[in-house]
Amino acid sequence: MMNSDIPAHFFAIGAVIAALALLALVCVMRQNGRLKLIFDGNDMVGAVAHVVELTNDDVWVSLKGETWRAICAVPVALGQKVKVTAQQGLLLEVTPINRTKTGA
Protein backbone atom coordinates (compact mmCIF):
# COMPACT_ATOMS: atom_id res chain seq x y z
CA MET A 1 0.00 0.00 0.00
CA MET A 2 2.63 2.52 1.02
CA ASN A 3 6.12 2.60 -0.31
CA SER A 4 7.89 3.64 2.87
CA ASP A 5 10.59 2.40 5.16
CA ILE A 6 8.49 3.39 8.21
CA PRO A 7 6.47 0.54 9.72
CA ALA A 8 2.67 0.94 9.49
CA HIS A 9 2.12 0.81 13.26
CA PHE A 10 4.01 4.13 13.62
CA PHE A 11 1.37 5.80 11.44
CA ALA A 12 -1.37 4.40 13.68
CA ILE A 13 0.41 5.63 16.81
CA GLY A 14 0.85 9.07 15.21
CA ALA A 15 -2.86 9.21 14.36
CA VAL A 16 -3.82 8.34 17.96
CA ILE A 17 -1.48 11.00 19.36
CA ALA A 18 -2.89 13.60 16.96
CA ALA A 19 -6.46 12.68 17.94
CA LEU A 20 -5.64 12.95 21.66
CA ALA A 21 -3.98 16.32 21.13
CA LEU A 22 -7.04 17.57 19.23
CA LEU A 23 -9.34 16.29 21.98
CA ALA A 24 -7.25 18.06 24.64
CA LEU A 25 -7.34 21.28 22.63
CA VAL A 26 -11.13 21.10 22.27
CA CYS A 27 -11.52 20.48 26.02
CA VAL A 28 -9.32 23.47 26.91
CA MET A 29 -11.15 25.73 24.46
CA ARG A 30 -14.51 24.60 25.82
CA GLN A 31 -13.43 25.24 29.41
CA ASN A 32 -12.02 28.70 28.64
CA GLY A 33 -15.08 29.66 26.63
CA ARG A 34 -17.44 29.40 29.58
CA LEU A 35 -18.62 32.56 31.25
CA LYS A 36 -16.89 33.21 34.52
CA LEU A 37 -18.92 34.25 37.51
CA ILE A 38 -18.07 37.82 38.45
CA PHE A 39 -19.77 37.82 41.83
CA ASP A 40 -20.77 34.84 43.89
CA GLY A 41 -23.19 36.92 45.95
CA ASN A 42 -20.93 37.13 48.99
CA ASP A 43 -18.74 39.99 47.82
CA MET A 44 -21.49 42.41 46.72
CA VAL A 45 -22.03 44.09 50.07
CA GLY A 46 -19.28 46.61 50.69
CA ALA A 47 -18.30 46.88 47.03
CA VAL A 48 -17.91 50.32 45.45
CA ALA A 49 -19.90 51.10 42.29
CA HIS A 50 -20.62 54.23 40.32
CA VAL A 51 -23.92 55.61 39.06
CA VAL A 52 -24.24 55.22 35.29
CA GLU A 53 -27.89 56.07 34.69
CA LEU A 54 -30.72 57.86 36.43
CA THR A 55 -34.32 57.39 35.35
CA ASN A 56 -37.55 58.61 36.92
CA ASP A 57 -37.74 55.72 39.36
CA ASP A 58 -34.47 53.84 39.06
CA VAL A 59 -30.79 54.25 39.77
CA TRP A 60 -28.46 52.11 37.67
CA VAL A 61 -24.92 51.42 38.88
CA SER A 62 -21.91 49.77 37.29
CA LEU A 63 -20.03 47.23 39.35
CA LYS A 64 -17.11 45.25 37.83
CA GLY A 65 -18.45 45.52 34.31
CA GLU A 66 -22.05 44.65 35.17
CA THR A 67 -24.95 47.09 35.37
CA TRP A 68 -27.28 46.70 38.35
CA ARG A 69 -30.55 48.35 39.36
CA ALA A 70 -30.17 50.03 42.72
CA ILE A 71 -32.12 51.97 45.31
CA CYS A 72 -30.76 54.77 47.44
CA ALA A 73 -32.40 56.60 50.34
CA VAL A 74 -30.85 59.92 49.30
CA PRO A 75 -30.51 61.49 45.85
CA VAL A 76 -27.37 60.62 43.88
CA ALA A 77 -25.76 62.19 40.84
CA LEU A 78 -24.64 60.64 37.59
CA GLY A 79 -21.06 59.39 37.95
CA GLN A 80 -21.16 59.47 41.75
CA LYS A 81 -19.49 56.66 43.69
CA VAL A 82 -21.76 54.58 45.89
CA LYS A 83 -21.22 51.71 48.31
CA VAL A 84 -23.40 48.60 48.27
CA THR A 85 -25.02 48.15 51.69
CA ALA A 86 -27.38 45.26 50.90
CA GLN A 87 -28.54 42.99 48.12
CA GLN A 88 -32.09 41.81 47.52
CA GLY A 89 -31.92 39.41 44.59
CA LEU A 90 -30.92 41.51 41.59
CA LEU A 91 -31.58 44.81 43.38
CA LEU A 92 -28.79 46.57 45.25
CA GLU A 93 -29.19 49.00 48.12
CA VAL A 94 -26.53 51.70 47.93
CA THR A 95 -25.37 54.78 49.84
CA PRO A 96 -23.30 57.63 48.42
CA ILE A 97 -19.60 57.69 49.25
CA ASN A 98 -18.92 61.28 48.28
CA ARG A 99 -21.91 63.52 48.60
CA THR A 100 -22.28 66.21 46.00
CA LYS A 101 -22.59 69.80 47.17
CA THR A 102 -25.95 71.37 46.40
CA GLY A 103 -26.86 75.03 46.58
CA ALA A 104 -24.87 76.89 49.28
PDB file of N, CA and C in Angstrom:
ATOM      1  N   MET A   1       0.806  -1.192   0.000  1.00  0.00           N
ATOM      2  CA  MET A   1       0.000   0.000   0.000  1.00  0.00           C
ATOM      3  C   MET A   1       0.854   1.263   0.000  1.00  0.00           C
ATOM      4  N   MET A   2       1.764   1.345   0.956  1.00  0.00           N
ATOM      5  CA  MET A   2       2.634   2.519   1.017  1.00  0.00           C
ATOM      6  C   MET A   2       4.055   2.074   0.735  1.00  0.00           C
ATOM      7  N   ASN A   3       4.734   2.881  -0.014  1.00  0.00           N
ATOM      8  CA  ASN A   3       6.117   2.602  -0.308  1.00  0.00           C
ATOM      9  C   ASN A   3       6.956   3.441   0.654  1.00  0.00           C
ATOM     10  N   SER A   4       7.177   2.895   1.859  1.00  0.00           N
ATOM     11  CA  SER A   4       7.894   3.643   2.874  1.00  0.00           C
ATOM     12  C   SER A   4       8.710   2.681   3.714  1.00  0.00           C
ATOM     13  N   ASP A   5       9.767   3.214   4.267  1.00  0.00           N
ATOM     14  CA  ASP A   5      10.589   2.400   5.158  1.00  0.00           C
ATOM     15  C   ASP A   5      10.079   2.455   6.600  1.00  0.00           C
ATOM     16  N   ILE A   6       9.047   3.252   6.864  1.00  0.00           N
ATOM     17  CA  ILE A   6       8.494   3.391   8.207  1.00  0.00           C
ATOM     18  C   ILE A   6       7.406   2.340   8.396  1.00  0.00           C
ATOM     19  N   PRO A   7       7.486   1.566   9.480  1.00  0.00           N
ATOM     20  CA  PRO A   7       6.472   0.542   9.722  1.00  0.00           C
ATOM     21  C   PRO A   7       5.079   1.156   9.881  1.00  0.00           C
ATOM     22  N   ALA A   8       4.051   0.449   9.507  1.00  0.00           N
ATOM     23  CA  ALA A   8       2.669   0.938   9.495  1.00  0.00           C
ATOM     24  C   ALA A   8       2.170   1.275  10.896  1.00  0.00           C
ATOM     25  N   HIS A   9       2.639   0.543  11.910  1.00  0.00           N
ATOM     26  CA  HIS A   9       2.120   0.811  13.256  1.00  0.00           C
ATOM     27  C   HIS A   9       2.550   2.192  13.758  1.00  0.00           C
ATOM     28  N   PHE A  10       3.619   2.771  13.231  1.00  0.00           N
ATOM     29  CA  PHE A  10       4.011   4.125  13.616  1.00  0.00           C
ATOM     30  C   PHE A  10       2.993   5.162  13.120  1.00  0.00           C
ATOM     31  N   PHE A  11       2.412   4.917  11.935  1.00  0.00           N
ATOM     32  CA  PHE A  11       1.365   5.801  11.438  1.00  0.00           C
ATOM     33  C   PHE A  11       0.132   5.741  12.332  1.00  0.00           C
ATOM     34  N   ALA A  12      -0.216   4.558  12.796  1.00  0.00           N
ATOM     35  CA  ALA A  12      -1.375   4.400  13.683  1.00  0.00           C
ATOM     36  C   ALA A  12      -1.126   5.108  15.016  1.00  0.00           C
ATOM     37  N   ILE A  13       0.077   4.954  15.543  1.00  0.00           N
ATOM     38  CA  ILE A  13       0.414   5.632  16.808  1.00  0.00           C
ATOM     39  C   ILE A  13       0.381   7.152  16.614  1.00  0.00           C
ATOM     40  N   GLY A  14       0.885   7.634  15.505  1.00  0.00           N
ATOM     41  CA  GLY A  14       0.849   9.066  15.209  1.00  0.00           C
ATOM     42  C   GLY A  14      -0.578   9.585  15.098  1.00  0.00           C
ATOM     43  N   ALA A  15      -1.458   8.809  14.488  1.00  0.00           N
ATOM     44  CA  ALA A  15      -2.859   9.213  14.363  1.00  0.00           C
ATOM     45  C   ALA A  15      -3.535   9.278  15.732  1.00  0.00           C
ATOM     46  N   VAL A  16      -3.246   8.338  16.610  1.00  0.00           N
ATOM     47  CA  VAL A  16      -3.821   8.338  17.961  1.00  0.00           C
ATOM     48  C   VAL A  16      -3.314   9.555  18.744  1.00  0.00           C
ATOM     49  N   ILE A  17      -2.037   9.842  18.657  1.00  0.00           N
ATOM     50  CA  ILE A  17      -1.477  10.997  19.365  1.00  0.00           C
ATOM     51  C   ILE A  17      -2.103  12.293  18.845  1.00  0.00           C
ATOM     52  N   ALA A  18      -2.265  12.408  17.533  1.00  0.00           N
ATOM     53  CA  ALA A  18      -2.887  13.604  16.957  1.00  0.00           C
ATOM     54  C   ALA A  18      -4.338  13.743  17.422  1.00  0.00           C
ATOM     55  N   ALA A  19      -5.074  12.635  17.484  1.00  0.00           N
ATOM     56  CA  ALA A  19      -6.464  12.675  17.937  1.00  0.00           C
ATOM     57  C   ALA A  19      -6.550  13.082  19.402  1.00  0.00           C
ATOM     58  N   LEU A  20      -5.650  12.578  20.236  1.00  0.00           N
ATOM     59  CA  LEU A  20      -5.642  12.952  21.656  1.00  0.00           C
ATOM     60  C   LEU A  20      -5.282  14.420  21.843  1.00  0.00           C
ATOM     61  N   ALA A  21      -4.345  14.909  21.051  1.00  0.00           N
ATOM     62  CA  ALA A  21      -3.978  16.320  21.132  1.00  0.00           C
ATOM     63  C   ALA A  21      -5.148  17.201  20.711  1.00  0.00           C
ATOM     64  N   LEU A  22      -5.863  16.808  19.677  1.00  0.00           N
ATOM     65  CA  LEU A  22      -7.039  17.566  19.231  1.00  0.00           C
ATOM     66  C   LEU A  22      -8.131  17.541  20.295  1.00  0.00           C
ATOM     67  N   LEU A  23      -8.346  16.405  20.915  1.00  0.00           N
ATOM     68  CA  LEU A  23      -9.336  16.290  21.983  1.00  0.00           C
ATOM     69  C   LEU A  23      -8.965  17.184  23.171  1.00  0.00           C
ATOM     70  N   ALA A  24      -7.698  17.197  23.541  1.00  0.00           N
ATOM     71  CA  ALA A  24      -7.248  18.057  24.643  1.00  0.00           C
ATOM     72  C   ALA A  24      -7.449  19.527  24.294  1.00  0.00           C
ATOM     73  N   LEU A  25      -7.161  19.903  23.063  1.00  0.00           N
ATOM     74  CA  LEU A  25      -7.343  21.285  22.630  1.00  0.00           C
ATOM     75  C   LEU A  25      -8.812  21.684  22.682  1.00  0.00           C
ATOM     76  N   VAL A  26      -9.698  20.819  22.235  1.00  0.00           N
ATOM     77  CA  VAL A  26     -11.134  21.101  22.274  1.00  0.00           C
ATOM     78  C   VAL A  26     -11.609  21.249  23.718  1.00  0.00           C
ATOM     79  N   CYS A  27     -11.137  20.397  24.605  1.00  0.00           N
ATOM     80  CA  CYS A  27     -11.521  20.475  26.020  1.00  0.00           C
ATOM     81  C   CYS A  27     -11.056  21.788  26.648  1.00  0.00           C
ATOM     82  N   VAL A  28      -9.839  22.214  26.364  1.00  0.00           N
ATOM     83  CA  VAL A  28      -9.317  23.467  26.907  1.00  0.00           C
ATOM     84  C   VAL A  28     -10.101  24.648  26.354  1.00  0.00           C
ATOM     85  N   MET A  29     -10.389  24.637  25.062  1.00  0.00           N
ATOM     86  CA  MET A  29     -11.149  25.732  24.457  1.00  0.00           C
ATOM     87  C   MET A  29     -12.564  25.790  25.032  1.00  0.00           C
ATOM     88  N   ARG A  30     -13.159  24.641  25.251  1.00  0.00           N
ATOM     89  CA  ARG A  30     -14.511  24.598  25.823  1.00  0.00           C
ATOM     90  C   ARG A  30     -14.509  25.143  27.243  1.00  0.00           C
ATOM     91  N   GLN A  31     -13.523  24.774  28.023  1.00  0.00           N
ATOM     92  CA  GLN A  31     -13.434  25.239  29.408  1.00  0.00           C
ATOM     93  C   GLN A  31     -13.196  26.745  29.471  1.00  0.00           C
ATOM     94  N   ASN A  32     -12.320  27.265  28.633  1.00  0.00           N
ATOM     95  CA  ASN A  32     -12.018  28.701  28.640  1.00  0.00           C
ATOM     96  C   ASN A  32     -13.147  29.527  28.058  1.00  0.00           C
ATOM     97  N   GLY A  33     -14.000  28.932  27.254  1.00  0.00           N
ATOM     98  CA  GLY A  33     -15.084  29.657  26.626  1.00  0.00           C
ATOM     99  C   GLY A  33     -16.268  29.897  27.537  1.00  0.00           C
ATOM    100  N   ARG A  34     -16.316  29.232  28.660  1.00  0.00           N
ATOM    101  CA  ARG A  34     -17.438  29.400  29.577  1.00  0.00           C
ATOM    102  C   ARG A  34     -17.375  30.758  30.246  1.00  0.00           C
ATOM    103  N   LEU A  35     -18.557  31.287  30.539  1.00  0.00           N
ATOM    104  CA  LEU A  35     -18.622  32.555  31.247  1.00  0.00           C
ATOM    105  C   LEU A  35     -18.165  32.357  32.680  1.00  0.00           C
ATOM    106  N   LYS A  36     -17.376  33.279  33.143  1.00  0.00           N
ATOM    107  CA  LYS A  36     -16.891  33.210  34.516  1.00  0.00           C
ATOM    108  C   LYS A  36     -17.805  34.043  35.394  1.00  0.00           C
ATOM    109  N   LEU A  37     -18.074  33.550  36.571  1.00  0.00           N
ATOM    110  CA  LEU A  37     -18.918  34.246  37.513  1.00  0.00           C
ATOM    111  C   LEU A  37     -18.161  35.426  38.088  1.00  0.00           C
ATOM    112  N   ILE A  38     -18.738  36.621  37.947  1.00  0.00           N
ATOM    113  CA  ILE A  38     -18.072  37.818  38.449  1.00  0.00           C
ATOM    114  C   ILE A  38     -18.258  37.929  39.950  1.00  0.00           C
ATOM    115  N   PHE A  39     -19.471  37.757  40.405  1.00  0.00           N
ATOM    116  CA  PHE A  39     -19.770  37.821  41.835  1.00  0.00           C
ATOM    117  C   PHE A  39     -20.440  36.529  42.240  1.00  0.00           C
ATOM    118  N   ASP A  40     -20.092  36.037  43.396  1.00  0.00           N
ATOM    119  CA  ASP A  40     -20.774  34.843  43.888  1.00  0.00           C
ATOM    120  C   ASP A  40     -21.860  35.201  44.893  1.00  0.00           C
ATOM    121  N   GLY A  41     -22.147  36.471  45.038  1.00  0.00           N
ATOM    122  CA  GLY A  41     -23.191  36.916  45.953  1.00  0.00           C
ATOM    123  C   GLY A  41     -22.655  37.313  47.310  1.00  0.00           C
ATOM    124  N   ASN A  42     -21.492  36.814  47.679  1.00  0.00           N
ATOM    125  CA  ASN A  42     -20.934  37.128  48.990  1.00  0.00           C
ATOM    126  C   ASN A  42     -20.123  38.410  48.993  1.00  0.00           C
ATOM    127  N   ASP A  43     -19.608  38.814  47.851  1.00  0.00           N
ATOM    128  CA  ASP A  43     -18.743  39.988  47.819  1.00  0.00           C
ATOM    129  C   ASP A  43     -19.434  41.232  47.279  1.00  0.00           C
ATOM    130  N   MET A  44     -20.759  41.230  47.201  1.00  0.00           N
ATOM    131  CA  MET A  44     -21.488  42.408  46.724  1.00  0.00           C
ATOM    132  C   MET A  44     -21.536  43.492  47.797  1.00  0.00           C
ATOM    133  N   VAL A  45     -21.906  43.110  48.998  1.00  0.00           N
ATOM    134  CA  VAL A  45     -22.031  44.090  50.072  1.00  0.00           C
ATOM    135  C   VAL A  45     -20.645  44.637  50.409  1.00  0.00           C
ATOM    136  N   GLY A  46     -20.546  45.961  50.417  1.00  0.00           N
ATOM    137  CA  GLY A  46     -19.276  46.615  50.689  1.00  0.00           C
ATOM    138  C   GLY A  46     -18.532  47.024  49.434  1.00  0.00           C
ATOM    139  N   ALA A  47     -18.967  46.534  48.281  1.00  0.00           N
ATOM    140  CA  ALA A  47     -18.299  46.879  47.026  1.00  0.00           C
ATOM    141  C   ALA A  47     -18.639  48.314  46.630  1.00  0.00           C
ATOM    142  N   VAL A  48     -17.717  48.949  45.903  1.00  0.00           N
ATOM    143  CA  VAL A  48     -17.913  50.319  45.445  1.00  0.00           C
ATOM    144  C   VAL A  48     -18.327  50.282  43.973  1.00  0.00           C
ATOM    145  N   ALA A  49     -19.397  50.996  43.664  1.00  0.00           N
ATOM    146  CA  ALA A  49     -19.904  51.096  42.295  1.00  0.00           C
ATOM    147  C   ALA A  49     -20.011  52.566  41.935  1.00  0.00           C
ATOM    148  N   HIS A  50     -20.361  52.845  40.687  1.00  0.00           N
ATOM    149  CA  HIS A  50     -20.623  54.232  40.320  1.00  0.00           C
ATOM    150  C   HIS A  50     -21.914  54.309  39.507  1.00  0.00           C
ATOM    151  N   VAL A  51     -22.619  55.406  39.686  1.00  0.00           N
ATOM    152  CA  VAL A  51     -23.923  55.606  39.060  1.00  0.00           C
ATOM    153  C   VAL A  51     -23.721  55.866  37.571  1.00  0.00           C
ATOM    154  N   VAL A  52     -24.391  55.066  36.728  1.00  0.00           N
ATOM    155  CA  VAL A  52     -24.241  55.215  35.287  1.00  0.00           C
ATOM    156  C   VAL A  52     -25.505  55.721  34.606  1.00  0.00           C
ATOM    157  N   GLU A  53     -26.647  55.609  35.300  1.00  0.00           N
ATOM    158  CA  GLU A  53     -27.889  56.074  34.689  1.00  0.00           C
ATOM    159  C   GLU A  53     -28.896  56.404  35.773  1.00  0.00           C
ATOM    160  N   LEU A  54     -29.630  57.466  35.537  1.00  0.00           N
ATOM    161  CA  LEU A  54     -30.717  57.863  36.432  1.00  0.00           C
ATOM    162  C   LEU A  54     -31.982  57.983  35.596  1.00  0.00           C
ATOM    163  N   THR A  55     -33.030  57.259  36.011  1.00  0.00           N
ATOM    164  CA  THR A  55     -34.325  57.391  35.351  1.00  0.00           C
ATOM    165  C   THR A  55     -35.302  57.938  36.377  1.00  0.00           C
ATOM    166  N   ASN A  56     -36.556  58.055  35.995  1.00  0.00           N
ATOM    167  CA  ASN A  56     -37.552  58.610  36.918  1.00  0.00           C
ATOM    168  C   ASN A  56     -37.611  57.850  38.234  1.00  0.00           C
ATOM    169  N   ASP A  57     -37.577  56.535  38.160  1.00  0.00           N
ATOM    170  CA  ASP A  57     -37.741  55.723  39.362  1.00  0.00           C
ATOM    171  C   ASP A  57     -36.517  54.899  39.740  1.00  0.00           C
ATOM    172  N   ASP A  58     -35.569  54.778  38.840  1.00  0.00           N
ATOM    173  CA  ASP A  58     -34.474  53.837  39.064  1.00  0.00           C
ATOM    174  C   ASP A  58     -33.103  54.508  39.041  1.00  0.00           C
ATOM    175  N   VAL A  59     -32.212  53.910  39.794  1.00  0.00           N
ATOM    176  CA  VAL A  59     -30.790  54.255  39.768  1.00  0.00           C
ATOM    177  C   VAL A  59     -30.086  53.028  39.215  1.00  0.00           C
ATOM    178  N   TRP A  60     -29.217  53.212  38.244  1.00  0.00           N
ATOM    179  CA  TRP A  60     -28.458  52.111  37.673  1.00  0.00           C
ATOM    180  C   TRP A  60     -26.982  52.340  37.966  1.00  0.00           C
ATOM    181  N   VAL A  61     -26.330  51.310  38.514  1.00  0.00           N
ATOM    182  CA  VAL A  61     -24.921  51.423  38.881  1.00  0.00           C
ATOM    183  C   VAL A  61     -24.106  50.379  38.137  1.00  0.00           C
ATOM    184  N   SER A  62     -22.837  50.704  37.920  1.00  0.00           N
ATOM    185  CA  SER A  62     -21.913  49.774  37.285  1.00  0.00           C
ATOM    186  C   SER A  62     -20.978  49.219  38.348  1.00  0.00           C
ATOM    187  N   LEU A  63     -20.858  47.898  38.361  1.00  0.00           N
ATOM    188  CA  LEU A  63     -20.031  47.228  39.354  1.00  0.00           C
ATOM    189  C   LEU A  63     -19.292  46.089  38.666  1.00  0.00           C
ATOM    190  N   LYS A  64     -17.973  46.244  38.485  1.00  0.00           N
ATOM    191  CA  LYS A  64     -17.111  45.254  37.835  1.00  0.00           C
ATOM    192  C   LYS A  64     -17.645  44.827  36.474  1.00  0.00           C
ATOM    193  N   GLY A  65     -18.027  45.812  35.673  1.00  0.00           N
ATOM    194  CA  GLY A  65     -18.448  45.524  34.309  1.00  0.00           C
ATOM    195  C   GLY A  65     -19.901  45.118  34.155  1.00  0.00           C
ATOM    196  N   GLU A  66     -20.639  45.007  35.223  1.00  0.00           N
ATOM    197  CA  GLU A  66     -22.049  44.653  35.173  1.00  0.00           C
ATOM    198  C   GLU A  66     -22.883  45.848  35.598  1.00  0.00           C
ATOM    199  N   THR A  67     -24.047  46.011  35.003  1.00  0.00           N
ATOM    200  CA  THR A  67     -24.954  47.091  35.370  1.00  0.00           C
ATOM    201  C   THR A  67     -26.075  46.522  36.225  1.00  0.00           C
ATOM    202  N   TRP A  68     -26.304  47.170  37.375  1.00  0.00           N
ATOM    203  CA  TRP A  68     -27.285  46.698  38.353  1.00  0.00           C
ATOM    204  C   TRP A  68     -28.293  47.793  38.656  1.00  0.00           C
ATOM    205  N   ARG A  69     -29.533  47.406  38.887  1.00  0.00           N
ATOM    206  CA  ARG A  69     -30.548  48.345  39.357  1.00  0.00           C
ATOM    207  C   ARG A  69     -30.342  48.516  40.847  1.00  0.00           C
ATOM    208  N   ALA A  70     -30.447  49.748  41.315  1.00  0.00           N
ATOM    209  CA  ALA A  70     -30.170  50.032  42.720  1.00  0.00           C
ATOM    210  C   ALA A  70     -31.214  50.986  43.282  1.00  0.00           C
ATOM    211  N   ILE A  71     -31.294  50.991  44.605  1.00  0.00           N
ATOM    212  CA  ILE A  71     -32.116  51.973  45.306  1.00  0.00           C
ATOM    213  C   ILE A  71     -31.214  52.693  46.295  1.00  0.00           C
ATOM    214  N   CYS A  72     -31.549  53.956  46.522  1.00  0.00           N
ATOM    215  CA  CYS A  72     -30.761  54.771  47.437  1.00  0.00           C
ATOM    216  C   CYS A  72     -31.717  55.678  48.194  1.00  0.00           C
ATOM    217  N   ALA A  73     -31.518  55.803  49.495  1.00  0.00           N
ATOM    218  CA  ALA A  73     -32.404  56.601  50.340  1.00  0.00           C
ATOM    219  C   ALA A  73     -32.247  58.095  50.089  1.00  0.00           C
ATOM    220  N   VAL A  74     -31.097  58.498  49.573  1.00  0.00           N
ATOM    221  CA  VAL A  74     -30.850  59.922  49.295  1.00  0.00           C
ATOM    222  C   VAL A  74     -30.564  60.084  47.803  1.00  0.00           C
ATOM    223  N   PRO A  75     -30.790  61.280  47.270  1.00  0.00           N
ATOM    224  CA  PRO A  75     -30.515  61.492  45.848  1.00  0.00           C
ATOM    225  C   PRO A  75     -29.024  61.324  45.526  1.00  0.00           C
ATOM    226  N   VAL A  76     -28.756  60.777  44.355  1.00  0.00           N
ATOM    227  CA  VAL A  76     -27.373  60.616  43.884  1.00  0.00           C
ATOM    228  C   VAL A  76     -27.250  61.272  42.522  1.00  0.00           C
ATOM    229  N   ALA A  77     -26.026  61.556  42.132  1.00  0.00           N
ATOM    230  CA  ALA A  77     -25.759  62.193  40.845  1.00  0.00           C
ATOM    231  C   ALA A  77     -25.116  61.202  39.885  1.00  0.00           C
ATOM    232  N   LEU A  78     -25.257  61.466  38.617  1.00  0.00           N
ATOM    233  CA  LEU A  78     -24.637  60.644  37.590  1.00  0.00           C
ATOM    234  C   LEU A  78     -23.123  60.656  37.775  1.00  0.00           C
ATOM    235  N   GLY A  79     -22.499  59.502  37.774  1.00  0.00           N
ATOM    236  CA  GLY A  79     -21.057  59.392  37.948  1.00  0.00           C
ATOM    237  C   GLY A  79     -20.602  59.319  39.395  1.00  0.00           C
ATOM    238  N   GLN A  80     -21.519  59.476  40.331  1.00  0.00           N
ATOM    239  CA  GLN A  80     -21.158  59.468  41.750  1.00  0.00           C
ATOM    240  C   GLN A  80     -20.821  58.052  42.221  1.00  0.00           C
ATOM    241  N   LYS A  81     -19.850  57.947  43.108  1.00  0.00           N
ATOM    242  CA  LYS A  81     -19.492  56.661  43.686  1.00  0.00           C
ATOM    243  C   LYS A  81     -20.460  56.327  44.811  1.00  0.00           C
ATOM    244  N   VAL A  82     -20.850  55.057  44.856  1.00  0.00           N
ATOM    245  CA  VAL A  82     -21.760  54.580  45.894  1.00  0.00           C
ATOM    246  C   VAL A  82     -21.220  53.265  46.452  1.00  0.00           C
ATOM    247  N   LYS A  83     -21.635  52.952  47.658  1.00  0.00           N
ATOM    248  CA  LYS A  83     -21.218  51.709  48.314  1.00  0.00           C
ATOM    249  C   LYS A  83     -22.442  50.821  48.476  1.00  0.00           C
ATOM    250  N   VAL A  84     -22.303  49.554  48.143  1.00  0.00           N
ATOM    251  CA  VAL A  84     -23.402  48.604  48.271  1.00  0.00           C
ATOM    252  C   VAL A  84     -23.553  48.238  49.741  1.00  0.00           C
ATOM    253  N   THR A  85     -24.759  48.458  50.280  1.00  0.00           N
ATOM    254  CA  THR A  85     -25.016  48.153  51.690  1.00  0.00           C
ATOM    255  C   THR A  85     -25.836  46.884  51.869  1.00  0.00           C
ATOM    256  N   ALA A  86     -26.580  46.488  50.828  1.00  0.00           N
ATOM    257  CA  ALA A  86     -27.385  45.264  50.903  1.00  0.00           C
ATOM    258  C   ALA A  86     -27.739  44.809  49.496  1.00  0.00           C
ATOM    259  N   GLN A  87     -28.116  43.550  49.394  1.00  0.00           N
ATOM    260  CA  GLN A  87     -28.540  42.994  48.119  1.00  0.00           C
ATOM    261  C   GLN A  87     -29.836  42.232  48.331  1.00  0.00           C
ATOM    262  N   GLN A  88     -30.815  42.512  47.492  1.00  0.00           N
ATOM    263  CA  GLN A  88     -32.095  41.814  47.517  1.00  0.00           C
ATOM    264  C   GLN A  88     -32.318  41.215  46.135  1.00  0.00           C
ATOM    265  N   GLY A  89     -31.842  40.021  45.918  1.00  0.00           N
ATOM    266  CA  GLY A  89     -31.924  39.411  44.593  1.00  0.00           C
ATOM    267  C   GLY A  89     -31.046  40.171  43.623  1.00  0.00           C
ATOM    268  N   LEU A  90     -31.670  40.743  42.588  1.00  0.00           N
ATOM    269  CA  LEU A  90     -30.924  41.513  41.587  1.00  0.00           C
ATOM    270  C   LEU A  90     -30.943  43.011  41.865  1.00  0.00           C
ATOM    271  N   LEU A  91     -31.493  43.409  42.993  1.00  0.00           N
ATOM    272  CA  LEU A  91     -31.580  44.807  43.377  1.00  0.00           C
ATOM    273  C   LEU A  91     -30.554  45.107  44.461  1.00  0.00           C
ATOM    274  N   LEU A  92     -29.793  46.181  44.267  1.00  0.00           N
ATOM    275  CA  LEU A  92     -28.785  46.566  45.250  1.00  0.00           C
ATOM    276  C   LEU A  92     -29.260  47.789  46.024  1.00  0.00           C
ATOM    277  N   GLU A  93     -28.992  47.802  47.315  1.00  0.00           N
ATOM    278  CA  GLU A  93     -29.188  49.000  48.115  1.00  0.00           C
ATOM    279  C   GLU A  93     -27.833  49.678  48.221  1.00  0.00           C
ATOM    280  N   VAL A  94     -27.795  50.979  47.934  1.00  0.00           N
ATOM    281  CA  VAL A  94     -26.529  51.703  47.931  1.00  0.00           C
ATOM    282  C   VAL A  94     -26.635  52.990  48.741  1.00  0.00           C
ATOM    283  N   THR A  95     -25.480  53.466  49.185  1.00  0.00           N
ATOM    284  CA  THR A  95     -25.374  54.777  49.838  1.00  0.00           C
ATOM    285  C   THR A  95     -24.236  55.539  49.183  1.00  0.00           C
ATOM    286  N   PRO A  96     -24.370  56.847  49.055  1.00  0.00           N
ATOM    287  CA  PRO A  96     -23.302  57.629  48.419  1.00  0.00           C
ATOM    288  C   PRO A  96     -22.023  57.622  49.256  1.00  0.00           C
ATOM    289  N   ILE A  97     -20.892  57.602  48.568  1.00  0.00           N
ATOM    290  CA  ILE A  97     -19.605  57.687  49.251  1.00  0.00           C
ATOM    291  C   ILE A  97     -19.176  59.144  49.375  1.00  0.00           C
ATOM    292  N   ASN A  98     -19.271  59.855  48.262  1.00  0.00           N
ATOM    293  CA  ASN A  98     -18.916  61.278  48.279  1.00  0.00           C
ATOM    294  C   ASN A  98     -20.149  62.071  47.913  1.00  0.00           C
ATOM    295  N   ARG A  99     -20.684  62.762  48.852  1.00  0.00           N
ATOM    296  CA  ARG A  99     -21.905  63.522  48.602  1.00  0.00           C
ATOM    297  C   ARG A  99     -21.587  64.752  47.758  1.00  0.00           C
ATOM    298  N   THR A 100     -22.470  65.022  46.817  1.00  0.00           N
ATOM    299  CA  THR A 100     -22.282  66.213  45.997  1.00  0.00           C
ATOM    300  C   THR A 100     -22.813  67.426  46.722  1.00  0.00           C
ATOM    301  N   LYS A 101     -22.156  68.557  46.518  1.00  0.00           N
ATOM    302  CA  LYS A 101     -22.587  69.803  47.165  1.00  0.00           C
ATOM    303  C   LYS A 101     -23.743  70.391  46.368  1.00  0.00           C
ATOM    304  N   THR A 102     -24.801  70.773  47.063  1.00  0.00           N
ATOM    305  CA  THR A 102     -25.953  71.370  46.398  1.00  0.00           C
ATOM    306  C   THR A 102     -26.196  72.744  46.978  1.00  0.00           C
ATOM    307  N   GLY A 103     -26.508  73.697  46.109  1.00  0.00           N
ATOM    308  CA  GLY A 103     -26.858  75.031  46.584  1.00  0.00           C
ATOM    309  C   GLY A 103     -25.709  75.708  47.310  1.00  0.00           C
ATOM    310  N   ALA A 104     -25.845  76.286  48.368  1.00  0.00           N
ATOM    311  CA  ALA A 104     -24.867  76.888  49.280  1.00  0.00           C
ATOM    312  C   ALA A 104     -23.782  77.540  48.509  1.00  0.00           C
TER     313      ALA A 104
END
